[in-house]
Amino acid sequence: MLTSPIEMPNGTVDLLVLRVLLMGPQHGWAVCQRIQQVSRNAIQLQQGSLYPALQRLERRRWIKSKWGASENNRRARFYELTPAGHKQLEAEEDNWRRLTEAVAQILATA
């Protein structure tokens, strides 16, 4: 059964990227793959969404990057959370949980 892509609320990509980077430094392609894997292919980020998000998070100093070699020995930029990114992730996760609980409550009772 084919389903259409999930339309995500603003800020969701940032939250997902921060969460994946909590596991440790990753290059952009690995971030995409992890999100796709964990979501069981329900979320498939395109480069046009991922890389602007990475740049935005880096400008906000929630992540930092450095060049390194990927698994296949290619030059890649690796991203990792900063201390400010850890704090932001906690805040974003809390906001997300409160939002989803409120929506679930409305769906269950309205």
N, C-alpha and C. Protein backbone atom coordinates (compact mmCIF):
# COMPACT_ATOMS: atom_id res chain seq x y z
N MET A 1 0.84 -1.17 0.00
CA MET A 1 0.00 0.00 0.00
C MET A 1 0.89 1.24 0.00
N LEU A 2 0.72 2.10 -0.98
CA LEU A 2 1.49 3.33 -1.06
C LEU A 2 0.80 4.42 -0.25
N THR A 3 1.59 5.16 0.48
CA THR A 3 1.05 6.29 1.22
C THR A 3 1.79 7.54 0.79
N SER A 4 1.13 8.66 0.94
CA SER A 4 1.78 9.92 0.60
C SER A 4 2.74 10.30 1.71
N PRO A 5 3.74 11.12 1.40
CA PRO A 5 4.71 11.54 2.42
C PRO A 5 4.01 12.29 3.55
N ILE A 6 4.54 12.14 4.74
CA ILE A 6 4.00 12.83 5.91
C ILE A 6 4.44 14.28 5.85
N GLU A 7 3.49 15.18 5.97
CA GLU A 7 3.82 16.61 6.03
C GLU A 7 4.11 16.95 7.48
N MET A 8 5.31 17.46 7.72
CA MET A 8 5.74 17.71 9.08
C MET A 8 5.57 19.18 9.45
N PRO A 9 5.17 19.44 10.71
CA PRO A 9 5.08 20.83 11.18
C PRO A 9 6.45 21.50 11.16
N ASN A 10 6.46 22.83 11.07
CA ASN A 10 7.71 23.58 11.10
C ASN A 10 8.52 23.21 12.34
N GLY A 11 9.81 23.10 12.15
CA GLY A 11 10.71 22.79 13.26
C GLY A 11 10.93 21.31 13.50
N THR A 12 10.13 20.46 12.86
CA THR A 12 10.26 19.03 13.08
C THR A 12 11.58 18.49 12.56
N VAL A 13 12.01 18.95 11.40
CA VAL A 13 13.29 18.48 10.85
C VAL A 13 14.42 18.82 11.81
N ASP A 14 14.41 20.03 12.36
CA ASP A 14 15.44 20.42 13.31
C ASP A 14 15.45 19.48 14.51
N LEU A 15 14.27 19.19 15.04
CA LEU A 15 14.16 18.30 16.19
C LEU A 15 14.72 16.92 15.86
N LEU A 16 14.36 16.38 14.71
CA LEU A 16 14.82 15.05 14.32
C LEU A 16 16.34 15.01 14.13
N VAL A 17 16.88 16.04 13.51
CA VAL A 17 18.34 16.10 13.30
C VAL A 17 19.06 16.17 14.64
N LEU A 18 18.60 17.03 15.53
CA LEU A 18 19.22 17.13 16.85
C LEU A 18 19.17 15.79 17.58
N ARG A 19 18.03 15.11 17.48
CA ARG A 19 17.88 13.83 18.17
C ARG A 19 18.83 12.78 17.62
N VAL A 20 18.97 12.72 16.30
CA VAL A 20 19.88 11.75 15.69
C VAL A 20 21.32 12.06 16.09
N LEU A 21 21.66 13.34 16.15
CA LEU A 21 23.04 13.71 16.50
C LEU A 21 23.35 13.48 17.98
N LEU A 22 22.32 13.24 18.78
CA LEU A 22 22.54 12.90 20.18
C LEU A 22 23.35 11.61 20.29
N MET A 23 23.23 10.73 19.29
CA MET A 23 23.95 9.45 19.28
C MET A 23 25.43 9.64 19.01
N GLY A 24 25.81 10.81 18.51
CA GLY A 24 27.21 11.06 18.21
C GLY A 24 27.36 11.71 16.85
N PRO A 25 28.58 12.13 16.50
CA PRO A 25 28.81 12.81 15.23
C PRO A 25 28.39 11.94 14.03
N GLN A 26 27.76 12.59 13.06
CA GLN A 26 27.30 11.90 11.86
C GLN A 26 27.43 12.86 10.69
N HIS A 27 27.63 12.30 9.50
CA HIS A 27 27.58 13.14 8.30
C HIS A 27 26.13 13.20 7.82
N GLY A 28 25.84 14.15 6.96
CA GLY A 28 24.47 14.42 6.53
C GLY A 28 23.73 13.21 5.98
N TRP A 29 24.39 12.46 5.11
CA TRP A 29 23.74 11.28 4.53
C TRP A 29 23.36 10.28 5.62
N ALA A 30 24.23 10.09 6.62
CA ALA A 30 23.94 9.16 7.71
C ALA A 30 22.75 9.65 8.54
N VAL A 31 22.64 10.96 8.72
CA VAL A 31 21.49 11.52 9.44
C VAL A 31 20.20 11.16 8.70
N CYS A 32 20.19 11.39 7.39
CA CYS A 32 19.02 11.04 6.57
C CYS A 32 18.68 9.57 6.69
N GLN A 33 19.68 8.73 6.56
CA GLN A 33 19.47 7.29 6.60
C GLN A 33 18.91 6.85 7.96
N ARG A 34 19.43 7.42 9.02
CA ARG A 34 18.96 7.04 10.37
C ARG A 34 17.52 7.45 10.57
N ILE A 35 17.15 8.64 10.17
CA ILE A 35 15.76 9.09 10.30
C ILE A 35 14.84 8.18 9.49
N GLN A 36 15.25 7.86 8.28
CA GLN A 36 14.45 6.99 7.43
C GLN A 36 14.32 5.59 8.06
N GLN A 37 15.42 5.07 8.57
CA GLN A 37 15.44 3.74 9.16
C GLN A 37 14.53 3.66 10.39
N VAL A 38 14.71 4.59 11.32
CA VAL A 38 13.96 4.55 12.56
C VAL A 38 12.47 4.80 12.31
N SER A 39 12.14 5.62 11.33
CA SER A 39 10.73 5.90 11.03
C SER A 39 10.11 4.83 10.13
N ARG A 40 10.88 3.80 9.82
CA ARG A 40 10.41 2.72 8.93
C ARG A 40 9.96 3.28 7.58
N ASN A 41 10.78 4.18 7.06
CA ASN A 41 10.58 4.82 5.75
C ASN A 41 9.41 5.80 5.70
N ALA A 42 8.79 6.10 6.84
CA ALA A 42 7.69 7.06 6.84
C ALA A 42 8.20 8.48 6.63
N ILE A 43 9.42 8.74 7.08
CA ILE A 43 10.03 10.06 6.91
C ILE A 43 11.27 9.89 6.05
N GLN A 44 11.25 10.53 4.90
CA GLN A 44 12.39 10.49 3.99
C GLN A 44 12.80 11.92 3.67
N LEU A 45 13.81 12.39 4.37
CA LEU A 45 14.27 13.75 4.16
C LEU A 45 14.99 13.87 2.83
N GLN A 46 14.71 14.93 2.14
CA GLN A 46 15.42 15.24 0.90
C GLN A 46 16.58 16.17 1.24
N GLN A 47 17.58 16.17 0.39
CA GLN A 47 18.74 17.04 0.61
C GLN A 47 18.31 18.50 0.71
N GLY A 48 17.27 18.86 -0.02
CA GLY A 48 16.77 20.24 0.00
C GLY A 48 16.17 20.64 1.33
N SER A 49 15.86 19.68 2.18
CA SER A 49 15.38 19.95 3.54
C SER A 49 16.48 19.79 4.57
N LEU A 50 17.29 18.74 4.38
CA LEU A 50 18.29 18.42 5.38
C LEU A 50 19.41 19.46 5.47
N TYR A 51 20.03 19.77 4.34
CA TYR A 51 21.21 20.63 4.40
C TYR A 51 20.90 22.06 4.84
N PRO A 52 19.77 22.65 4.43
CA PRO A 52 19.43 23.95 5.03
C PRO A 52 19.19 23.86 6.54
N ALA A 53 18.62 22.74 7.00
CA ALA A 53 18.42 22.56 8.44
C ALA A 53 19.77 22.47 9.15
N LEU A 54 20.71 21.71 8.59
CA LEU A 54 22.04 21.61 9.20
C LEU A 54 22.71 22.98 9.26
N GLN A 55 22.60 23.75 8.21
CA GLN A 55 23.20 25.09 8.20
C GLN A 55 22.52 26.00 9.23
N ARG A 56 21.21 25.90 9.32
CA ARG A 56 20.46 26.72 10.29
C ARG A 56 20.87 26.34 11.72
N LEU A 57 20.96 25.06 12.00
CA LEU A 57 21.34 24.61 13.34
C LEU A 57 22.77 25.02 13.68
N GLU A 58 23.64 25.02 12.68
CA GLU A 58 25.02 25.44 12.90
C GLU A 58 25.09 26.96 13.15
N ARG A 59 24.31 27.72 12.42
CA ARG A 59 24.28 29.18 12.65
C ARG A 59 23.78 29.50 14.06
N ARG A 60 22.87 28.71 14.55
CA ARG A 60 22.33 28.92 15.91
C ARG A 60 23.26 28.36 16.98
N ARG A 61 24.33 27.71 16.53
CA ARG A 61 25.35 27.11 17.41
C ARG A 61 24.80 25.95 18.24
N TRP A 62 23.81 25.25 17.69
CA TRP A 62 23.28 24.06 18.33
C TRP A 62 24.04 22.83 17.88
N ILE A 63 24.71 22.94 16.72
CA ILE A 63 25.59 21.89 16.24
C ILE A 63 26.87 22.54 15.74
N LYS A 64 27.90 21.73 15.60
CA LYS A 64 29.15 22.19 14.98
C LYS A 64 29.57 21.11 14.00
N SER A 65 30.44 21.48 13.09
CA SER A 65 30.86 20.51 12.07
C SER A 65 32.36 20.53 11.88
N LYS A 66 32.84 19.41 11.35
CA LYS A 66 34.25 19.32 10.96
C LYS A 66 34.34 18.28 9.85
N TRP A 67 35.38 18.43 9.04
CA TRP A 67 35.58 17.51 7.92
C TRP A 67 36.24 16.24 8.40
N GLY A 68 35.85 15.13 7.78
CA GLY A 68 36.43 13.83 8.09
C GLY A 68 36.18 12.86 6.95
N ALA A 69 36.49 11.60 7.18
CA ALA A 69 36.29 10.57 6.16
C ALA A 69 35.08 9.73 6.53
N SER A 70 34.22 9.50 5.54
CA SER A 70 33.04 8.67 5.75
C SER A 70 33.42 7.20 5.77
N GLU A 71 32.40 6.33 5.95
CA GLU A 71 32.63 4.88 5.99
C GLU A 71 33.31 4.37 4.73
N ASN A 72 33.01 5.00 3.58
CA ASN A 72 33.60 4.56 2.32
C ASN A 72 34.82 5.41 1.94
N ASN A 73 35.40 6.06 2.95
CA ASN A 73 36.63 6.83 2.80
C ASN A 73 36.49 8.07 1.92
N ARG A 74 35.30 8.61 1.84
CA ARG A 74 35.09 9.86 1.11
C ARG A 74 35.09 11.02 2.10
N ARG A 75 35.49 12.15 1.62
CA ARG A 75 35.50 13.36 2.45
C ARG A 75 34.07 13.77 2.74
N ALA A 76 33.75 13.98 4.02
CA ALA A 76 32.39 14.33 4.41
C ALA A 76 32.45 15.27 5.61
N ARG A 77 31.42 16.06 5.73
CA ARG A 77 31.30 16.97 6.87
C ARG A 77 30.51 16.26 7.96
N PHE A 78 31.10 16.17 9.14
CA PHE A 78 30.46 15.51 10.27
C PHE A 78 29.90 16.57 11.23
N TYR A 79 28.69 16.33 11.68
CA TYR A 79 27.99 17.26 12.56
C TYR A 79 27.83 16.64 13.93
N GLU A 80 27.92 17.48 14.97
CA GLU A 80 27.70 16.99 16.32
C GLU A 80 27.04 18.08 17.16
N LEU A 81 26.34 17.63 18.21
CA LEU A 81 25.67 18.56 19.10
C LEU A 81 26.66 19.36 19.93
N THR A 82 26.32 20.59 20.19
CA THR A 82 27.06 21.43 21.13
C THR A 82 26.32 21.38 22.47
N PRO A 83 26.90 21.91 23.54
CA PRO A 83 26.15 21.99 24.80
C PRO A 83 24.83 22.75 24.63
N ALA A 84 24.85 23.83 23.86
CA ALA A 84 23.61 24.57 23.60
C ALA A 84 22.61 23.71 22.83
N GLY A 85 23.11 22.85 21.95
CA GLY A 85 22.26 21.94 21.20
C GLY A 85 21.60 20.91 22.10
N HIS A 86 22.33 20.43 23.10
CA HIS A 86 21.74 19.49 24.06
C HIS A 86 20.58 20.14 24.80
N LYS A 87 20.77 21.37 25.24
CA LYS A 87 19.71 22.10 25.95
C LYS A 87 18.52 22.33 25.03
N GLN A 88 18.79 22.72 23.79
CA GLN A 88 17.72 22.97 22.84
C GLN A 88 16.94 21.69 22.55
N LEU A 89 17.65 20.59 22.42
CA LEU A 89 16.99 19.31 22.17
C LEU A 89 16.04 18.97 23.31
N GLU A 90 16.47 19.15 24.54
CA GLU A 90 15.60 18.89 25.69
C GLU A 90 14.34 19.74 25.63
N ALA A 91 14.51 21.03 25.32
CA ALA A 91 13.37 21.93 25.23
C ALA A 91 12.43 21.53 24.10
N GLU A 92 13.01 21.20 22.94
CA GLU A 92 12.19 20.81 21.78
C GLU A 92 11.44 19.51 22.03
N GLU A 93 12.11 18.54 22.67
CA GLU A 93 11.45 17.28 22.98
C GLU A 93 10.29 17.51 23.94
N ASP A 94 10.49 18.35 24.94
CA ASP A 94 9.42 18.67 25.89
C ASP A 94 8.25 19.32 25.18
N ASN A 95 8.53 20.30 24.32
CA ASN A 95 7.46 20.97 23.57
C ASN A 95 6.72 19.97 22.69
N TRP A 96 7.46 19.09 22.02
CA TRP A 96 6.85 18.10 21.13
C TRP A 96 5.93 17.16 21.92
N ARG A 97 6.40 16.69 23.05
CA ARG A 97 5.58 15.78 23.87
C ARG A 97 4.30 16.47 24.34
N ARG A 98 4.42 17.72 24.78
CA ARG A 98 3.22 18.44 25.22
C ARG A 98 2.24 18.63 24.08
N LEU A 99 2.75 18.97 22.89
CA LEU A 99 1.89 19.15 21.72
C LEU A 99 1.20 17.86 21.34
N THR A 100 1.95 16.77 21.24
CA THR A 100 1.35 15.51 20.80
C THR A 100 0.36 14.97 21.84
N GLU A 101 0.62 15.18 23.12
CA GLU A 101 -0.33 14.77 24.15
C GLU A 101 -1.63 15.57 24.04
N ALA A 102 -1.50 16.88 23.79
CA ALA A 102 -2.69 17.73 23.65
C ALA A 102 -3.51 17.32 22.43
N VAL A 103 -2.83 17.08 21.30
CA VAL A 103 -3.54 16.66 20.10
C VAL A 103 -4.20 15.31 20.30
N ALA A 104 -3.49 14.37 20.92
CA ALA A 104 -4.07 13.04 21.19
C ALA A 104 -5.30 13.15 22.07
N GLN A 105 -5.22 14.03 23.05
CA GLN A 105 -6.37 14.23 23.94
C GLN A 105 -7.58 14.75 23.17
N ILE A 106 -7.36 15.70 22.30
CA ILE A 106 -8.45 16.27 21.50
C ILE A 106 -9.01 15.19 20.56
N LEU A 107 -8.15 14.43 19.92
CA LEU A 107 -8.61 13.38 19.01
C LEU A 107 -9.41 12.30 19.74
N ALA A 108 -9.05 12.04 20.99
CA ALA A 108 -9.74 11.01 21.76
C ALA A 108 -11.09 11.46 22.30
N THR A 109 -11.26 12.77 22.48
CA THR A 109 -12.49 13.23 23.17
C THR A 109 -13.39 14.13 22.32
N ALA A 110 -12.86 14.74 21.30
CA ALA A 110 -13.67 15.72 20.57
C ALA A 110 -14.67 15.04 19.64
